C-alpha atoms as a PDB file:
ATOM      1  CA  VAL A   1     -13.102   1.170 -32.534  1.00  0.00           C
ATOM      2  CA  GLN A   2     -15.788   1.063 -30.114  1.00  0.00           C
ATOM      3  CA  LEU A   3     -16.148  -0.838 -27.123  1.00  0.00           C
ATOM      4  CA  GLN A   4     -18.836  -2.429 -24.954  1.00  0.00           C
ATOM      5  CA  ALA A   5     -18.166  -3.276 -21.224  1.00  0.00           C
ATOM      6  CA  SER A   6     -20.864  -6.131 -19.908  1.00  0.00           C
ATOM      7  CA  GLY A   7     -21.339  -8.503 -17.263  1.00  0.00           C
ATOM      8  CA  GLY A   8     -21.293  -6.585 -14.243  1.00  0.00           C
ATOM      9  CA  GLY A   9     -23.897  -6.797 -11.573  1.00  0.00           C
ATOM     10  CA  LEU A  10     -24.541  -7.330  -8.009  1.00  0.00           C
ATOM     11  CA  VAL A  11     -22.306 -10.130  -5.638  1.00  0.00           C
ATOM     12  CA  GLN A  12     -21.849 -11.077  -1.912  1.00  0.00           C
ATOM     13  CA  ALA A  13     -17.634 -11.254  -1.095  1.00  0.00           C
ATOM     14  CA  GLY A  14     -16.113 -14.359  -1.797  1.00  0.00           C
ATOM     15  CA  GLY A  15     -18.569 -14.166  -4.788  1.00  0.00           C
ATOM     16  CA  SER A  16     -17.495 -14.293  -8.859  1.00  0.00           C
ATOM     17  CA  LEU A  17     -18.219 -12.074 -11.887  1.00  0.00           C
ATOM     18  CA  ARG A  18     -16.975 -12.543 -15.342  1.00  0.00           C
ATOM     19  CA  LEU A  19     -16.839  -9.014 -17.664  1.00  0.00           C
ATOM     20  CA  SER A  20     -17.131  -8.893 -20.966  1.00  0.00           C
ATOM     21  CA  CYS A  21     -15.391  -6.278 -23.266  1.00  0.00           C
ATOM     22  CA  ALA A  22     -16.637  -6.598 -27.134  1.00  0.00           C
ATOM     23  CA  ALA A  23     -14.972  -4.627 -29.597  1.00  0.00           C
ATOM     24  CA  SER A  24     -16.627  -3.487 -33.098  1.00  0.00           C
ATOM     25  CA  GLY A  25     -15.266  -1.032 -36.057  1.00  0.00           C
ATOM     26  CA  ARG A  26     -11.702  -1.750 -36.433  1.00  0.00           C
ATOM     27  CA  THR A  27      -9.153  -4.748 -36.228  1.00  0.00           C
ATOM     28  CA  PHE A  28      -9.755  -6.006 -32.198  1.00  0.00           C
ATOM     29  CA  SER A  29      -5.973  -7.149 -32.335  1.00  0.00           C
ATOM     30  CA  ARG A  30      -4.340  -4.588 -33.328  1.00  0.00           C
ATOM     31  CA  TYR A  31      -5.015  -2.973 -29.935  1.00  0.00           C
ATOM     32  CA  GLY A  32      -3.954  -3.821 -26.483  1.00  0.00           C
ATOM     33  CA  ILE A  33      -6.639  -3.616 -23.619  1.00  0.00           C
ATOM     34  CA  GLY A  34      -6.442  -2.575 -20.481  1.00  0.00           C
ATOM     35  CA  TRP A  35      -9.575  -2.774 -17.309  1.00  0.00           C
ATOM     36  CA  PHE A  36     -10.224   0.009 -15.282  1.00  0.00           C
ATOM     37  CA  ARG A  37     -12.229   0.810 -12.533  1.00  0.00           C
ATOM     38  CA  GLN A  38     -13.083   4.228 -10.737  1.00  0.00           C
ATOM     39  CA  ALA A  39     -15.167   3.785  -7.326  1.00  0.00           C
ATOM     40  CA  PRO A  40     -17.535   7.045  -5.962  1.00  0.00           C
ATOM     41  CA  GLY A  41     -15.393  10.108  -5.051  1.00  0.00           C
ATOM     42  CA  LYS A  42     -12.176   7.785  -6.105  1.00  0.00           C
ATOM     43  CA  GLU A  43      -9.845   8.743  -9.399  1.00  0.00           C
ATOM     44  CA  ARG A  44     -10.068   5.744 -12.110  1.00  0.00           C
ATOM     45  CA  GLU A  45      -7.613   3.030 -11.112  1.00  0.00           C
ATOM     46  CA  PHE A  46      -5.441   0.829 -13.464  1.00  0.00           C
ATOM     47  CA  VAL A  47      -6.762  -3.189 -12.702  1.00  0.00           C
ATOM     48  CA  VAL A  48      -4.840  -4.771 -15.828  1.00  0.00           C
ATOM     49  CA  PHE A  49      -3.565  -5.010 -19.487  1.00  0.00           C
ATOM     50  CA  ILE A  50      -3.378  -7.781 -21.937  1.00  0.00           C
ATOM     51  CA  SER A  51      -0.901  -7.308 -25.087  1.00  0.00           C
ATOM     52  CA  ARG A  52      -2.653  -7.495 -28.914  1.00  0.00           C
ATOM     53  CA  SER A  53      -2.044 -11.315 -28.987  1.00  0.00           C
ATOM     54  CA  GLY A  54      -2.934 -12.064 -25.260  1.00  0.00           C
ATOM     55  CA  GLY A  55       1.094 -12.850 -24.170  1.00  0.00           C
ATOM     56  CA  SER A  56       1.916 -10.745 -21.724  1.00  0.00           C
ATOM     57  CA  THR A  57      -0.650  -9.185 -19.328  1.00  0.00           C
ATOM     58  CA  TYR A  58       0.341  -6.926 -16.021  1.00  0.00           C
ATOM     59  CA  TYR A  59      -1.867  -6.632 -13.244  1.00  0.00           C
ATOM     60  CA  ALA A  60      -2.358  -4.486 -10.055  1.00  0.00           C
ATOM     61  CA  ASP A  61      -1.273  -5.754  -6.529  1.00  0.00           C
ATOM     62  CA  SER A  62      -5.033  -5.153  -5.578  1.00  0.00           C
ATOM     63  CA  VAL A  63      -6.391  -7.323  -7.882  1.00  0.00           C
ATOM     64  CA  LYS A  64      -3.590 -10.014  -8.844  1.00  0.00           C
ATOM     65  CA  GLY A  65      -4.240 -14.012  -7.758  1.00  0.00           C
ATOM     66  CA  ARG A  66      -7.717 -12.736  -7.966  1.00  0.00           C
ATOM     67  CA  PHE A  67      -9.106 -11.623 -11.440  1.00  0.00           C
ATOM     68  CA  THR A  68      -7.753 -13.076 -14.486  1.00  0.00           C
ATOM     69  CA  ILE A  69      -7.925 -10.934 -17.933  1.00  0.00           C
ATOM     70  CA  SER A  70      -8.298 -12.869 -21.737  1.00  0.00           C
ATOM     71  CA  ARG A  71      -8.766 -11.948 -25.000  1.00  0.00           C
ATOM     72  CA  ASP A  72     -10.412 -14.061 -28.026  1.00  0.00           C
ATOM     73  CA  ASN A  73      -9.275 -12.191 -30.765  1.00  0.00           C
ATOM     74  CA  ALA A  74     -11.472 -14.347 -33.161  1.00  0.00           C
ATOM     75  CA  LYS A  75     -14.679 -13.417 -31.102  1.00  0.00           C
ATOM     76  CA  ASN A  76     -13.231  -9.513 -31.139  1.00  0.00           C
ATOM     77  CA  THR A  77     -13.672  -9.674 -27.001  1.00  0.00           C
ATOM     78  CA  ALA A  78     -11.905  -9.167 -24.146  1.00  0.00           C
ATOM     79  CA  TYR A  79     -12.897 -10.602 -20.994  1.00  0.00           C
ATOM     80  CA  LEU A  80     -12.395 -10.402 -17.086  1.00  0.00           C
ATOM     81  CA  GLN A  81     -12.706 -12.904 -15.289  1.00  0.00           C
ATOM     82  CA  MET A  82     -13.375 -11.646 -11.067  1.00  0.00           C
ATOM     83  CA  ASP A  83     -13.327 -14.516  -8.446  1.00  0.00           C
ATOM     84  CA  SER A  84     -13.283 -13.636  -4.714  1.00  0.00           C
ATOM     85  CA  LEU A  85     -14.434 -10.253  -5.071  1.00  0.00           C
ATOM     86  CA  LYS A  86     -14.496  -7.673  -2.035  1.00  0.00           C
ATOM     87  CA  PRO A  87     -16.424  -5.567  -1.216  1.00  0.00           C
ATOM     88  CA  GLU A  88     -13.338  -3.302  -1.674  1.00  0.00           C
ATOM     89  CA  ASP A  89     -14.160  -4.706  -5.426  1.00  0.00           C
ATOM     90  CA  THR A  90     -16.838  -2.225  -5.620  1.00  0.00           C
ATOM     91  CA  ALA A  91     -16.896   0.304  -8.808  1.00  0.00           C
ATOM     92  CA  VAL A  92     -17.648   0.971 -12.332  1.00  0.00           C
ATOM     93  CA  TYR A  93     -15.450  -1.217 -14.629  1.00  0.00           C
ATOM     94  CA  TYR A  94     -14.338   0.188 -18.192  1.00  0.00           C
ATOM     95  CA  CYS A  95     -11.974  -1.203 -21.016  1.00  0.00           C
ATOM     96  CA  ALA A  96     -10.016   0.469 -23.370  1.00  0.00           C
ATOM     97  CA  ALA A  97      -8.329   0.080 -26.058  1.00  0.00           C
ATOM     98  CA  ALA A  98      -4.475   1.255 -27.026  1.00  0.00           C
ATOM     99  CA  GLU A  99      -3.052   1.046 -30.140  1.00  0.00           C
ATOM    100  CA  LEU A 100       0.572   1.417 -29.724  1.00  0.00           C
ATOM    101  CA  ARG A 101       1.182   0.196 -26.379  1.00  0.00           C
ATOM    102  CA  VAL A 102      -0.483  -0.912 -23.474  1.00  0.00           C
ATOM    103  CA  GLY A 103       0.362   0.211 -19.391  1.00  0.00           C
ATOM    104  CA  SER A 104      -1.326   1.158 -16.073  1.00  0.00           C
ATOM    105  CA  ASP A 105      -1.587   4.722 -17.243  1.00  0.00           C
ATOM    106  CA  PRO A 106      -5.238   5.680 -18.414  1.00  0.00           C
ATOM    107  CA  THR A 107      -3.592   8.534 -20.518  1.00  0.00           C
ATOM    108  CA  THR A 108      -2.139   5.412 -22.852  1.00  0.00           C
ATOM    109  CA  TYR A 109      -5.104   4.636 -23.946  1.00  0.00           C
ATOM    110  CA  ASP A 110      -7.305   6.071 -26.819  1.00  0.00           C
ATOM    111  CA  TYR A 111     -10.664   4.105 -26.844  1.00  0.00           C
ATOM    112  CA  TRP A 112     -12.698   3.718 -23.945  1.00  0.00           C
ATOM    113  CA  GLY A 113     -16.305   2.010 -23.264  1.00  0.00           C
ATOM    114  CA  GLN A 114     -19.142   3.050 -20.978  1.00  0.00           C
ATOM    115  CA  GLY A 115     -18.911   1.035 -18.152  1.00  0.00           C
ATOM    116  CA  THR A 116     -20.525  -1.924 -15.921  1.00  0.00           C
ATOM    117  CA  GLN A 117     -21.079  -1.832 -12.193  1.00  0.00           C
ATOM    118  CA  VAL A 118     -19.371  -3.734  -9.732  1.00  0.00           C
ATOM    119  CA  THR A 119     -21.176  -3.922  -6.745  1.00  0.00           C
ATOM    120  CA  VAL A 120     -19.896  -6.642  -3.942  1.00  0.00           C
ATOM    121  CA  SER A 121     -21.746  -6.283  -0.440  1.00  0.00           C
ATOM    122  CA  SER A 122     -20.118  -7.557   2.635  1.00  0.00           C
END
């Protein structure tokens, strides 16, 4: 499956962005989807995942209550709604797909998108 992340940009602190992860190539509903982020000079960090059906989600503590993941299997797309953004949310955001199981460990994921830059100004 090929993944294309989009929707990043520059926003002021307290603002919102909606990221999209569009999939092509194979049946989207076969995959759990995760979002990760990587800030300059830092390791890739888990943000959130959603199960194949969308019935289960799990958020990192740093984004809980501010970010919301969803998916539309009919449109082969997953979304990450980011509200109340903070400067520390600045990073390149990646979506990833896992065929067997999802989790917070990036090695769980089989496919990765190219990333989209999110910059939050103070």
